């Protein structure tokens, strides 16, 4: 008998995929704290200046021979200015505090979610299945948000009650800026975002998002000036360039920007033809997304793809993506050597433990008879996603003793196949497939397999 080994849950490996779960709330909280600190420092400086100015004005008025009421008026005006600044500061801090409280609640809920995983000892635990379903819902919401399906993502999060585990507001705000660049051809929302995150952007190496946005403003001014013959727009573009481009480290970049002042949009000369091209808006939207993800330490690819690739790599064989494509891939009618079919039946499956298969017999009974390859690598949905992945590395081969092949192409060990059919009460002289018990075959149709 084969000894049953309970697979342990590797918590640290799971945590690698869930790092962004805590990272974004932390980064947003840190940004809010710095914004609050800067607002307090600025307000304190301005209030002190107002008070000192009012004090000096009041003292000067009191020492003069003019109306004494001027001293009290100057003091009152300075105090009014200070109070107005403090009220503005209070409103801003109140907004930041509400956002921070929400982020803290999200972080606490996510820590509890990860702590639940650490309480699960094995992969066969029922709680692990429940926890995995929640994670799958999270990955689906993340995938929808990255593709711009914000409404669907929000509805899914609400139905599954996982709003606190996904970053709906952050991705929605990001999506609006991305849309303003790619579809509406507006740079103002992105420039506002750059201003709000100016301190963080300065710390990033080789970050040129704001320069590229300012360049796009320069391009549009030059475009309007040339097309409409409006020299005022060209003068405005010249002033714009002198204001924003002086600090750029690349002299060639500044020369190209200056060349736009004399070269019209109708030119076919590179690089000016590319600068005037509408496709530059797509470049700006992608640059913004890349900068946003880098700043908040977010993966640039959907987490769902990363999770799928981890499993697909283990299943990939040299026969996958060959010139012979499985029918399930939808590319042509030639079958893959690794997933060939016999008379339209399902491809071979090498079962190392039929006892495990029997534990899922009830689920197997609900499966309809399939007529295409079960290889996920060769499927239409995952074919392109798995194309760049390495082949699975299997250091040991596992083969059932005395293997036999059923008419549908599946291979099992004879001894275990016989024992399984005895358990389910298969009629003598007949054999059922453990995966699909609706198919019954004669034992005389079962062929012995020789491994070469």
Protein backbone atom coordinates (compact mmCIF):
# COMPACT_ATOMS: atom_id res chain seq x y z
CA UNK A 1 0.00 0.00 0.00
CA UNK A 2 1.16 3.50 -0.75
CA UNK A 3 1.76 5.60 2.34
CA UNK A 4 -0.48 8.66 2.40
CA UNK A 5 1.59 11.82 2.83
CA UNK A 6 -0.29 14.97 3.84
CA UNK A 7 1.11 17.92 1.85
CA UNK A 8 2.13 20.79 4.11
CA UNK A 9 1.24 24.35 3.27
CA UNK A 10 4.27 26.51 2.42
CA UNK A 11 3.16 29.82 3.90
CA UNK A 12 6.20 31.79 2.76
CA UNK A 13 5.69 30.81 -0.89
CA UNK A 14 2.09 31.95 -0.73
CA UNK A 15 3.17 35.23 0.82
CA UNK A 16 5.34 36.03 -2.23
CA UNK A 17 2.19 36.44 -4.32
CA UNK A 18 0.41 38.45 -1.63
CA UNK A 19 3.05 41.10 -0.96
CA UNK A 20 1.12 43.83 -2.85
CA UNK A 21 -1.80 43.16 -0.51
CA UNK A 22 -0.07 45.14 2.27
CA UNK A 23 2.28 47.25 0.20
CA UNK A 24 -0.17 49.68 -1.41
CA UNK A 25 -2.05 50.66 1.81
CA UNK A 26 1.30 51.22 3.50
CA UNK A 27 2.63 53.41 0.69
CA UNK A 28 -0.60 55.42 0.55
CA UNK A 29 -0.56 55.90 4.33
CA UNK A 30 3.04 57.08 4.17
CA UNK A 31 2.17 59.52 1.38
CA UNK A 32 -0.78 60.88 3.38
CA UNK A 33 1.42 61.36 6.44
CA UNK A 34 4.02 63.30 4.47
CA UNK A 35 1.32 65.42 2.87
CA UNK A 36 -0.12 66.23 6.30
CA UNK A 37 3.31 67.08 7.65
CA UNK A 38 4.04 69.42 4.75
CA UNK A 39 0.64 71.10 5.13
CA UNK A 40 1.23 71.67 8.85
CA UNK A 41 4.70 73.11 8.28
CA UNK A 42 3.47 75.43 5.53
CA UNK A 43 0.44 76.59 7.54
CA UNK A 44 2.59 77.19 10.61
CA UNK A 45 4.98 79.33 8.59
CA UNK A 46 2.19 81.38 7.01
CA UNK A 47 0.35 81.86 10.30
CA UNK A 48 3.50 83.08 12.02
CA UNK A 49 4.12 85.50 9.16
CA UNK A 50 0.54 86.82 9.39
CA UNK A 51 0.77 87.30 13.15
CA UNK A 52 4.14 89.04 12.94
CA UNK A 53 2.94 91.25 10.10
CA UNK A 54 -0.18 92.19 12.04
CA UNK A 55 1.82 92.91 15.17
CA UNK A 56 4.20 95.21 13.30
CA UNK A 57 1.32 96.98 11.54
CA UNK A 58 -0.51 97.47 14.83
CA UNK A 59 2.61 98.80 16.54
CA UNK A 60 3.30 101.20 13.69
CA UNK A 61 -0.29 102.44 13.73
CA UNK A 62 -0.22 102.89 17.49
CA UNK A 63 2.94 105.03 17.33
CA UNK A 64 1.58 107.24 14.58
CA UNK A 65 -0.61 110.28 15.07
CA UNK A 66 -3.35 108.85 12.87
CA UNK A 67 -6.57 107.23 13.98
CA UNK A 68 -5.83 104.78 16.88
CA UNK A 69 -8.46 102.38 15.55
CA UNK A 70 -6.08 101.49 12.72
CA UNK A 71 -3.95 99.53 15.19
CA UNK A 72 -6.84 97.32 16.22
CA UNK A 73 -7.98 96.92 12.61
CA UNK A 74 -4.51 95.76 11.52
CA UNK A 75 -4.35 93.26 14.37
CA UNK A 76 -7.83 91.92 13.60
CA UNK A 77 -7.02 91.52 9.89
CA UNK A 78 -3.85 89.58 10.64
CA UNK A 79 -5.73 87.33 13.05
CA UNK A 80 -8.48 86.76 10.47
CA UNK A 81 -5.87 85.67 7.94
CA UNK A 82 -4.31 83.30 10.45
CA UNK A 83 -7.70 81.83 11.38
CA UNK A 84 -8.59 81.34 7.70
CA UNK A 85 -5.34 79.47 7.09
CA UNK A 86 -5.89 77.29 10.16
CA UNK A 87 -9.45 76.47 9.07
CA UNK A 88 -8.17 75.48 5.64
CA UNK A 89 -5.53 73.32 7.30
CA UNK A 90 -8.18 71.70 9.49
CA UNK A 91 -10.31 70.73 6.48
CA UNK A 92 -7.33 69.27 4.67
CA UNK A 93 -6.15 67.32 7.71
CA UNK A 94 -9.68 66.04 8.29
CA UNK A 95 -9.79 64.66 4.74
CA UNK A 96 -6.36 63.08 5.10
CA UNK A 97 -7.34 61.61 8.46
CA UNK A 98 -10.47 59.98 7.03
CA UNK A 99 -8.39 58.48 4.24
CA UNK A 100 -5.76 57.24 6.69
CA UNK A 101 -8.37 55.64 8.94
CA UNK A 102 -9.81 53.80 5.94
CA UNK A 103 -6.33 52.63 4.93
CA UNK A 104 -5.64 51.43 8.47
CA UNK A 105 -8.85 49.41 8.44
CA UNK A 106 -7.86 47.89 5.11
CA UNK A 107 -4.42 47.00 6.43
CA UNK A 108 -5.88 45.40 9.56
CA UNK A 109 -8.32 43.33 7.50
CA UNK A 110 -5.53 42.20 5.17
CA UNK A 111 -3.27 41.23 8.05
CA UNK A 112 -6.11 39.12 9.46
CA UNK A 113 -6.61 37.55 6.03
CA UNK A 114 -2.93 36.56 5.84
CA UNK A 115 -2.95 35.42 9.46
CA UNK A 116 -5.81 33.05 8.59
CA UNK A 117 -3.49 31.42 6.07
CA UNK A 118 -0.82 30.88 8.74
CA UNK A 119 -3.38 29.02 10.85
CA UNK A 120 -3.85 26.43 8.07
CA UNK A 121 -1.34 23.55 8.42
CA UNK A 122 -1.96 21.49 5.27
CA UNK A 123 -3.25 21.81 1.73
CA UNK A 124 -6.05 19.31 2.39
CA UNK A 125 -7.55 21.43 5.17
CA UNK A 126 -11.07 22.63 4.37
CA UNK A 127 -10.11 26.11 5.53
CA UNK A 128 -7.42 26.27 2.85
CA UNK A 129 -10.01 25.78 0.13
CA UNK A 130 -12.10 28.60 1.59
CA UNK A 131 -9.08 30.88 1.88
CA UNK A 132 -8.01 30.07 -1.69
CA UNK A 133 -11.44 31.03 -3.01
CA UNK A 134 -11.12 34.43 -1.35
CA UNK A 135 -7.68 34.89 -2.88
CA UNK A 136 -8.98 33.90 -6.32
CA UNK A 137 -11.72 36.52 -6.02
CA UNK A 138 -9.05 39.06 -5.09
CA UNK A 139 -6.97 38.17 -8.12
CA UNK A 140 -10.00 38.44 -10.40
CA UNK A 141 -10.84 41.90 -9.06
CA UNK A 142 -7.21 42.97 -9.54
CA UNK A 143 -7.32 41.65 -13.12
CA UNK A 144 -10.54 43.52 -13.92
CA UNK A 145 -9.20 46.75 -12.41
CA UNK A 146 -6.03 46.58 -14.49
CA UNK A 147 -8.06 46.07 -17.66
CA UNK A 148 -10.28 49.05 -16.87
CA UNK A 149 -13.46 47.15 -15.96
CA UNK A 150 -13.89 49.19 -12.78
CA UNK A 151 -17.65 48.77 -12.46
CA UNK A 152 -17.49 44.98 -12.84
CA UNK A 153 -14.59 44.82 -10.38
CA UNK A 154 -16.52 46.84 -7.79
CA UNK A 155 -19.64 44.71 -8.19
CA UNK A 156 -17.63 41.50 -7.83
CA UNK A 157 -15.92 42.85 -4.70
CA UNK A 158 -19.28 43.79 -3.20
CA UNK A 159 -20.88 40.43 -3.99
CA UNK A 160 -17.91 38.55 -2.49
CA UNK A 161 -17.62 41.04 0.41
CA UNK A 162 -13.92 41.68 -0.15
CA UNK A 163 -13.87 45.46 -0.64
CA UNK A 164 -11.36 45.73 2.22
CA UNK A 165 -9.00 43.28 0.48
CA UNK A 166 -8.80 45.03 -2.89
CA UNK A 167 -7.62 48.50 -3.95
CA UNK A 168 -10.71 49.75 -5.74
CA UNK A 169 -10.31 53.48 -5.08
CA UNK A 170 -6.59 53.57 -5.89
CA UNK A 171 -6.98 51.73 -9.20
CA UNK A 172 -10.09 53.72 -10.09
CA UNK A 173 -8.22 57.00 -9.61
CA UNK A 174 -5.31 55.60 -11.62
CA UNK A 175 -7.69 54.48 -14.38
CA UNK A 176 -9.23 57.94 -14.71
CA UNK A 177 -5.81 59.50 -15.26
CA UNK A 178 -4.84 56.79 -17.74
CA UNK A 179 -8.10 57.34 -19.66
CA UNK A 180 -7.59 61.11 -19.68
CA UNK A 181 -4.28 60.53 -21.46
CA UNK A 182 -5.15 57.72 -23.86
CA UNK A 183 -8.72 58.71 -24.81
CA UNK A 184 -9.32 62.34 -23.88
CA UNK A 185 -5.80 63.58 -24.71
CA UNK A 186 -5.58 65.65 -21.52
CA UNK A 187 -2.41 66.04 -19.46
CA UNK A 188 -3.75 68.18 -16.60
CA UNK A 189 -4.95 65.25 -14.39
CA UNK A 190 -1.59 63.52 -14.77
CA UNK A 191 0.30 66.74 -13.98
CA UNK A 192 -1.84 67.22 -10.86
CA UNK A 193 -0.91 63.69 -9.80
CA UNK A 194 2.77 64.49 -10.37
CA UNK A 195 2.46 67.58 -8.18
CA UNK A 196 0.80 65.59 -5.38
CA UNK A 197 3.54 62.95 -5.51
CA UNK A 198 6.45 65.26 -6.31
CA UNK A 199 8.58 64.12 -3.37
CA UNK A 200 8.22 60.43 -4.26
CA UNK A 201 8.89 61.02 -7.95
CA UNK A 202 12.14 62.82 -7.16
CA UNK A 203 13.42 59.72 -5.38
CA UNK A 204 12.79 57.51 -8.42
CA UNK A 205 15.74 57.02 -10.75
CA UNK A 206 15.39 57.95 -14.42
CA UNK A 207 11.85 59.20 -13.90
CA UNK A 208 10.83 61.51 -16.75
CA UNK A 209 7.03 61.40 -16.58
CA UNK A 210 6.56 65.09 -15.78
CA UNK A 211 9.05 66.11 -18.48
CA UNK A 212 7.18 64.03 -21.06
CA UNK A 213 3.86 65.54 -20.00
CA UNK A 214 5.28 69.05 -20.27
CA UNK A 215 6.69 68.14 -23.66
CA UNK A 216 3.22 67.08 -24.79
CA UNK A 217 1.88 70.49 -23.76
CA UNK A 218 4.70 72.04 -25.79
CA UNK A 219 3.82 69.82 -28.77
CA UNK A 220 0.15 70.84 -28.70
CA UNK A 221 1.07 74.54 -28.54
CA UNK A 222 3.39 74.12 -31.53
CA UNK A 223 0.76 72.10 -33.40
CA UNK A 224 -1.87 74.79 -32.91
CA UNK A 225 0.57 77.56 -33.78
CA UNK A 226 1.65 75.94 -37.07
CA UNK A 227 -1.80 74.75 -38.20
CA UNK A 228 -3.58 78.03 -37.43
CA UNK A 229 -0.69 80.36 -38.16
CA UNK A 230 -0.98 81.66 -34.61
CA UNK A 231 2.41 83.09 -33.68
CA UNK A 232 1.17 83.84 -30.17
CA UNK A 233 0.91 80.10 -29.57
CA UNK A 234 4.47 79.63 -30.77
CA UNK A 235 5.64 82.39 -28.43
CA UNK A 236 3.73 80.69 -25.63
CA UNK A 237 5.43 77.40 -26.52
CA UNK A 238 8.83 79.12 -26.43
CA UNK A 239 8.14 80.49 -22.93
CA UNK A 240 6.80 77.09 -21.86
CA UNK A 241 10.01 75.39 -22.99
CA UNK A 242 12.27 77.90 -21.26
CA UNK A 243 10.32 77.44 -18.02
CA UNK A 244 10.09 73.64 -17.82
CA UNK A 245 12.89 72.19 -19.96
CA UNK A 246 15.97 73.92 -18.54
CA UNK A 247 16.51 71.30 -15.84
CA UNK A 248 16.32 68.32 -18.22
CA UNK A 249 19.72 66.56 -18.27
CA UNK A 250 19.61 65.48 -21.94
CA UNK A 251 20.63 68.24 -24.34
CA UNK A 252 19.50 66.24 -27.39
CA UNK A 253 16.03 65.96 -25.85
CA UNK A 254 15.89 69.73 -25.39
CA UNK A 255 17.10 70.28 -28.96
CA UNK A 256 14.30 68.08 -30.33
CA UNK A 257 11.76 70.03 -28.29
CA UNK A 258 13.13 73.32 -29.62
CA UNK A 259 12.98 72.02 -33.19
CA UNK A 260 9.20 71.74 -32.93
CA UNK A 261 9.01 75.54 -32.96
CA UNK A 262 10.08 75.63 -36.62
CA UNK A 263 8.95 72.21 -37.92
CA UNK A 264 5.21 71.81 -38.69
CA UNK A 265 3.09 68.70 -37.93
CA UNK A 266 2.92 67.81 -41.64
CA UNK A 267 6.58 66.80 -41.69
CA UNK A 268 7.71 63.23 -42.30
CA UNK A 269 11.09 63.91 -40.73
CA UNK A 270 12.06 61.83 -37.72
CA UNK A 271 11.89 62.28 -34.79
CA UNK A 272 9.40 65.14 -35.25
CA UNK A 273 6.91 63.00 -37.14
CA UNK A 274 6.78 60.67 -34.14
CA UNK A 275 6.45 63.54 -31.66
CA UNK A 276 3.43 64.90 -33.52
CA UNK A 277 1.91 61.42 -33.92
CA UNK A 278 -1.36 60.67 -32.03
CA UNK A 279 0.21 57.39 -30.87
CA UNK A 280 2.30 59.42 -28.44
CA UNK A 281 -0.76 59.65 -26.17
CA UNK A 282 -0.70 55.86 -25.76
CA UNK A 283 2.99 56.12 -24.90
CA UNK A 284 2.17 58.68 -22.19
CA UNK A 285 -0.59 56.52 -20.71
CA UNK A 286 1.72 53.51 -20.53
CA UNK A 287 4.49 55.65 -19.03
CA UNK A 288 2.09 56.89 -16.36
CA UNK A 289 0.99 53.35 -15.46
CA UNK A 290 4.59 52.20 -15.27
CA UNK A 291 5.56 55.14 -13.06
CA UNK A 292 2.51 54.63 -10.82
CA UNK A 293 3.28 50.95 -10.28
CA UNK A 294 6.97 51.61 -9.67
CA UNK A 295 6.24 54.30 -7.11
CA UNK A 296 3.88 52.07 -5.12
CA UNK A 297 5.96 48.90 -5.68
CA UNK A 298 3.15 47.18 -7.55
CA UNK A 299 3.70 44.42 -10.12
CA UNK A 300 3.23 45.64 -13.67
CA UNK A 301 1.44 42.45 -14.69
CA UNK A 302 -1.84 41.11 -13.26
CA UNK A 303 -1.38 38.90 -10.20
CA UNK A 304 -3.73 36.39 -11.83
CA UNK A 305 -1.22 35.87 -14.64
CA UNK A 306 1.58 35.34 -12.14
CA UNK A 307 -0.44 32.75 -10.23
CA UNK A 308 -1.40 30.91 -13.42
CA UNK A 309 2.14 30.89 -14.75
CA UNK A 310 3.45 29.27 -11.58
CA UNK A 311 1.25 26.23 -12.25
CA UNK A 312 1.50 26.25 -16.03
CA UNK A 313 5.28 26.05 -15.94
CA UNK A 314 5.08 22.80 -13.98
CA UNK A 315 2.78 21.29 -16.63
CA UNK A 316 4.58 22.46 -19.76
CA UNK A 317 6.34 19.82 -21.87
CA UNK A 318 8.52 20.09 -25.02
CA UNK A 319 5.53 18.93 -27.07
CA UNK A 320 3.54 22.01 -26.06
CA UNK A 321 3.67 24.89 -28.56
CA UNK A 322 5.07 22.55 -31.19
CA UNK A 323 3.93 22.66 -34.80
CA UNK A 324 1.33 20.05 -33.84
CA UNK A 325 -1.39 21.88 -31.96
CA UNK A 326 -4.13 20.33 -29.86
CA UNK A 327 -7.69 20.65 -31.22
CA UNK A 328 -8.66 22.49 -28.03
CA UNK A 329 -6.29 25.28 -28.94
CA UNK A 330 -8.33 26.17 -32.00
CA UNK A 331 -5.26 26.61 -34.26
CA UNK A 332 -5.58 23.57 -36.53
CA UNK A 333 -6.86 20.02 -36.58
CA UNK A 334 -3.53 18.29 -36.08
CA UNK A 335 -3.12 16.85 -32.60
CA UNK A 336 -0.10 17.29 -30.38
CA UNK A 337 2.03 14.16 -29.93
CA UNK A 338 1.87 14.57 -26.17
CA UNK A 339 -1.91 14.92 -26.19
CA UNK A 340 -3.03 12.70 -29.06
CA UNK A 341 -6.54 11.28 -29.18
CA UNK A 342 -7.81 7.87 -30.12
CA UNK A 343 -11.11 7.86 -31.98
CA UNK A 344 -11.96 11.27 -30.59
CA UNK A 345 -11.43 10.16 -27.00
CA UNK A 346 -9.64 12.06 -24.26
CA UNK A 347 -5.84 12.27 -24.18
CA UNK A 348 -3.76 9.97 -21.97
CA UNK A 349 -3.50 10.72 -18.26
CA UNK A 350 -0.82 9.00 -16.24
CA UNK A 351 -2.37 8.26 -12.86
CA UNK A 352 0.05 7.52 -10.06
CA UNK A 353 -2.56 6.97 -7.37
CA UNK A 354 -6.06 5.78 -8.25
CA UNK A 355 -7.02 5.97 -4.57
CA UNK A 356 -6.70 9.75 -4.92
CA UNK A 357 -8.83 9.69 -8.05
CA UNK A 358 -11.49 7.69 -6.22
CA UNK A 359 -11.74 10.43 -3.61
CA UNK A 360 -13.07 12.69 -6.35
CA UNK A 361 -15.31 10.14 -8.07
CA UNK A 362 -18.41 12.09 -7.18
CA UNK A 363 -17.04 15.15 -8.97
CA UNK A 364 -15.96 13.01 -11.90
CA UNK A 365 -19.47 11.66 -12.31
CA UNK A 366 -20.69 15.18 -12.94
CA UNK A 367 -18.20 15.72 -15.76
CA UNK A 368 -19.48 15.48 -19.29
CA UNK A 369 -17.60 13.38 -21.75
CA UNK A 370 -14.83 15.57 -23.14
CA UNK A 371 -13.56 15.27 -26.68
CA UNK A 372 -10.58 17.63 -26.58
CA UNK A 373 -7.22 17.70 -24.90
CA UNK A 374 -7.14 18.42 -21.17
CA UNK A 375 -3.72 20.04 -21.47
CA UNK A 376 -4.11 23.66 -20.26
CA UNK A 377 -0.94 24.70 -22.07
CA UNK A 378 -2.50 23.82 -25.44
CA UNK A 379 -5.87 25.42 -24.66
CA UNK A 380 -6.95 28.55 -26.49
CA UNK A 381 -7.28 30.53 -23.26
CA UNK A 382 -3.81 29.85 -21.84
CA UNK A 383 -1.76 29.10 -24.95
CA UNK A 384 -0.25 32.56 -25.37
CA UNK A 385 0.17 33.13 -21.63
CA UNK A 386 2.30 30.01 -21.28
CA UNK A 387 4.31 30.44 -24.49
CA UNK A 388 7.30 32.17 -22.85
CA UNK A 389 7.41 29.87 -19.80
CA UNK A 390 10.17 27.28 -19.27
CA UNK A 391 9.43 23.56 -19.37
CA UNK A 392 8.53 21.81 -16.14
CA UNK A 393 11.50 20.29 -14.32
CA UNK A 394 10.71 16.81 -13.01
CA UNK A 395 13.71 15.16 -11.38
CA UNK A 396 11.89 11.87 -10.79
CA UNK A 397 9.55 9.83 -12.96
CA UNK A 398 6.58 8.01 -11.45
CA UNK A 399 5.04 5.10 -13.33
CA UNK A 400 2.39 2.62 -12.23
CA UNK A 401 3.36 -1.04 -12.19
CA UNK A 402 2.07 -3.00 -15.19
CA UNK A 403 0.56 -0.01 -17.04
CA UNK A 404 -2.40 -0.53 -19.37
CA UNK A 405 -4.21 1.84 -21.71
CA UNK A 406 -8.00 2.16 -21.97
CA UNK A 407 -9.72 2.64 -25.35
CA UNK A 408 -10.08 6.36 -24.56
CA UNK A 409 -6.29 6.73 -24.33
CA UNK A 410 -5.88 7.01 -20.55
CA UNK A 411 -3.16 4.94 -18.89
CA UNK A 412 -3.36 3.33 -15.42
CA UNK A 413 -1.72 0.53 -13.47
CA UNK A 414 -3.62 -2.76 -13.94
CA UNK A 415 -3.65 -3.72 -10.26
CA UNK A 416 -5.06 -0.42 -9.07
CA UNK A 417 -7.53 -0.29 -11.96
CA UNK A 418 -8.86 -3.73 -11.02
CA UNK A 419 -9.12 -2.79 -7.34
CA UNK A 420 -10.97 0.41 -8.14
CA UNK A 421 -13.51 -1.39 -10.35
CA UNK A 422 -14.10 -3.92 -7.58
CA UNK A 423 -14.88 -1.09 -5.15
CA UNK A 424 -17.47 0.52 -7.41
CA UNK A 425 -19.02 -2.81 -8.35
CA UNK A 426 -18.25 -2.86 -12.06
CA UNK A 427 -19.77 -5.85 -13.86
CA UNK A 428 -17.34 -8.72 -14.31
CA UNK A 429 -15.51 -8.55 -17.64
CA UNK A 430 -15.94 -4.79 -17.87
CA UNK A 431 -13.84 -1.82 -16.73
CA UNK A 432 -14.68 1.82 -15.99
CA UNK A 433 -12.44 4.84 -16.33
CA UNK A 434 -11.73 6.31 -12.84
CA UNK A 435 -11.97 9.85 -14.20
CA UNK A 436 -15.17 9.33 -16.20
CA UNK A 437 -17.11 6.35 -14.85
CA UNK A 438 -19.87 6.82 -17.44
CA UNK A 439 -17.63 5.08 -19.99
CA UNK A 440 -17.60 1.28 -19.69
CA UNK A 441 -15.22 -0.92 -21.72
CA UNK A 442 -14.52 -4.62 -22.11
CA UNK A 443 -11.33 -5.87 -20.44
CA UNK A 444 -10.43 -7.38 -23.77
CA UNK A 445 -10.20 -3.84 -25.17
CA UNK A 446 -7.59 -2.86 -22.58
CA UNK A 447 -4.06 -3.00 -24.01
CA UNK A 448 -0.76 -3.42 -22.22
CA UNK A 449 1.67 -0.48 -22.44
CA UNK A 450 5.42 -0.93 -22.93
CA UNK A 451 7.62 1.96 -21.81
CA UNK A 452 10.56 2.57 -24.14
